[in-house]
């Protein structure tokens, strides 16, 4: 509580996102499939119009903005709170997807992306020999 009063509180989960100061950080899951990647991001309360998803080379970029307004009127007080924040997540894919290889669905505050890996993209682990002198 003292950290909070000093303005140095550690981020605590909110009803919407994890908050770090004024920056929102949505939770993201990344799963590898046989054909590529499946990524889901929890982004409750953000409308589709305030969400932007792009691929820049081998990096997926998810960004958006959220504004909320909460108003309480009681017998002895009137409280109005406003929150506004934006987020940007960069997710390395490990390959450059072909044009049209990314499918997105946004439903009930969850963004789900399916990204097909190009056929010529390297898969698996490659052992590198180290020379000694």
Protein backbone atom coordinates (compact mmCIF):
# COMPACT_ATOMS: atom_id res chain seq x y z
CA UNK A 1 0.00 0.00 0.00
CA UNK A 2 2.86 2.41 0.79
CA UNK A 3 4.37 1.72 -2.64
CA UNK A 4 1.04 2.63 -4.20
CA UNK A 5 0.94 5.96 -2.33
CA UNK A 6 4.52 6.72 -3.40
CA UNK A 7 3.61 5.96 -7.00
CA UNK A 8 5.89 2.91 -7.23
CA UNK A 9 3.31 0.17 -6.96
CA UNK A 10 4.05 -3.07 -8.71
CA UNK A 11 1.62 -3.85 -11.52
CA UNK A 12 -1.47 -5.69 -10.36
CA UNK A 13 -3.98 -7.49 -12.56
CA UNK A 14 -6.97 -5.36 -13.43
CA UNK A 15 -10.28 -6.52 -14.79
CA UNK A 16 -9.04 -5.79 -18.31
CA UNK A 17 -5.29 -6.22 -18.68
CA UNK A 18 -2.13 -6.29 -16.70
CA UNK A 19 -1.27 -2.67 -16.19
CA UNK A 20 2.19 -1.19 -15.93
CA UNK A 21 1.71 2.49 -15.29
CA UNK A 22 -0.42 3.74 -18.16
CA UNK A 23 0.64 0.92 -20.48
CA UNK A 24 -1.68 -2.04 -20.98
CA UNK A 25 -0.16 -5.46 -21.52
CA UNK A 26 -2.60 -8.11 -22.79
CA UNK A 27 -1.83 -11.76 -22.04
CA UNK A 28 -0.69 -13.70 -25.11
CA UNK A 29 -0.45 -17.44 -25.80
CA UNK A 30 1.69 -18.78 -28.65
CA UNK A 31 1.39 -22.40 -29.81
CA UNK A 32 3.28 -24.09 -32.61
CA UNK A 33 1.18 -26.26 -34.91
CA UNK A 34 2.16 -28.60 -37.74
CA UNK A 35 1.55 -25.84 -40.29
CA UNK A 36 2.65 -22.72 -38.41
CA UNK A 37 1.67 -20.77 -35.31
CA UNK A 38 -1.54 -20.09 -33.43
CA UNK A 39 -1.53 -16.97 -31.28
CA UNK A 40 -4.28 -15.77 -28.96
CA UNK A 41 -4.40 -12.49 -27.08
CA UNK A 42 -6.84 -11.55 -24.33
CA UNK A 43 -8.00 -8.02 -25.16
CA UNK A 44 -11.32 -7.49 -23.35
CA UNK A 45 -13.08 -4.18 -23.74
CA UNK A 46 -11.20 -3.15 -26.88
CA UNK A 47 -13.35 -2.71 -29.95
CA UNK A 48 -12.29 -4.06 -33.34
CA UNK A 49 -12.00 -0.47 -34.61
CA UNK A 50 -9.33 0.26 -31.98
CA UNK A 51 -7.27 -2.82 -32.78
CA UNK A 52 -4.48 -3.00 -35.37
CA UNK A 53 -2.65 -6.20 -36.37
CA UNK A 54 0.26 -6.13 -38.82
CA UNK A 55 3.17 -8.31 -39.89
CA UNK A 56 6.50 -6.54 -40.30
CA UNK A 57 8.99 -9.01 -41.73
CA UNK A 58 9.20 -11.87 -39.24
CA UNK A 59 7.44 -9.96 -36.44
CA UNK A 60 3.73 -9.83 -35.60
CA UNK A 61 2.64 -6.48 -34.15
CA UNK A 62 -0.59 -6.18 -32.18
CA UNK A 63 -1.56 -2.72 -30.99
CA UNK A 64 -4.67 -1.02 -29.74
CA UNK A 65 -6.29 1.51 -27.45
CA UNK A 66 -8.88 1.28 -24.73
CA UNK A 67 -10.94 3.91 -22.97
CA UNK A 68 -13.33 3.25 -20.13
CA UNK A 69 -15.57 5.46 -18.07
CA UNK A 70 -17.08 4.41 -14.78
CA UNK A 71 -19.63 6.50 -12.95
CA UNK A 72 -21.13 5.87 -9.52
CA UNK A 73 -23.84 7.97 -7.93
CA UNK A 74 -24.71 7.34 -4.34
CA UNK A 75 -26.53 9.30 -1.71
CA UNK A 76 -23.42 11.07 -0.39
CA UNK A 77 -21.09 11.12 -3.38
CA UNK A 78 -20.70 11.18 -7.14
CA UNK A 79 -17.64 9.44 -8.58
CA UNK A 80 -16.50 9.47 -12.21
CA UNK A 81 -13.35 7.58 -13.24
CA UNK A 82 -11.81 7.53 -16.69
CA UNK A 83 -9.05 5.29 -17.94
CA UNK A 84 -7.27 5.43 -21.24
CA UNK A 85 -4.37 3.36 -22.36
CA UNK A 86 -2.69 1.85 -25.35
CA UNK A 87 -0.62 -1.24 -25.92
CA UNK A 88 1.77 -2.61 -28.49
CA UNK A 89 3.09 -6.18 -28.51
CA UNK A 90 5.83 -7.41 -30.86
CA UNK A 91 5.93 -11.18 -31.29
CA UNK A 92 8.84 -12.76 -33.19
CA UNK A 93 7.55 -15.47 -35.52
CA UNK A 94 10.82 -17.09 -36.61
CA UNK A 95 9.79 -16.85 -40.27
CA UNK A 96 8.32 -14.37 -42.73
CA UNK A 97 4.76 -15.42 -43.56
CA UNK A 98 3.52 -15.29 -47.14
CA UNK A 99 0.99 -12.60 -48.05
CA UNK A 100 -2.48 -13.87 -47.10
CA UNK A 101 -1.08 -16.54 -44.74
CA UNK A 102 -2.45 -14.85 -41.61
CA UNK A 103 -6.07 -15.38 -40.52
CA UNK A 104 -7.52 -13.38 -37.63
CA UNK A 105 -10.69 -13.79 -35.57
CA UNK A 106 -11.80 -11.43 -32.81
CA UNK A 107 -14.60 -12.67 -30.58
CA UNK A 108 -15.57 -11.99 -26.95
CA UNK A 109 -12.39 -10.04 -26.27
CA UNK A 110 -10.04 -12.72 -27.58
CA UNK A 111 -7.97 -12.19 -30.72
CA UNK A 112 -6.97 -15.48 -32.37
CA UNK A 113 -4.44 -15.56 -35.20
CA UNK A 114 -3.46 -18.54 -37.33
CA UNK A 115 -0.24 -17.98 -39.23
CA UNK A 116 0.86 -20.51 -41.85
CA UNK A 117 4.58 -21.19 -42.11
CA UNK A 118 5.92 -20.98 -45.67
CA UNK A 119 7.05 -24.28 -47.15
CA UNK A 120 10.63 -23.07 -47.55
CA UNK A 121 10.92 -21.88 -43.91
CA UNK A 122 13.42 -23.82 -41.83
CA UNK A 123 11.85 -25.95 -39.12
CA UNK A 124 13.42 -27.70 -36.21
CA UNK A 125 16.79 -27.23 -34.60
CA UNK A 126 20.06 -27.15 -36.45
CA UNK A 127 23.19 -28.22 -34.58
CA UNK A 128 26.15 -25.88 -35.12
CA UNK A 129 29.63 -27.36 -34.88
CA UNK A 130 32.15 -25.30 -32.94
CA UNK A 131 35.74 -25.35 -34.16
CA UNK A 132 38.53 -25.25 -31.64
CA UNK A 133 41.93 -23.78 -32.36
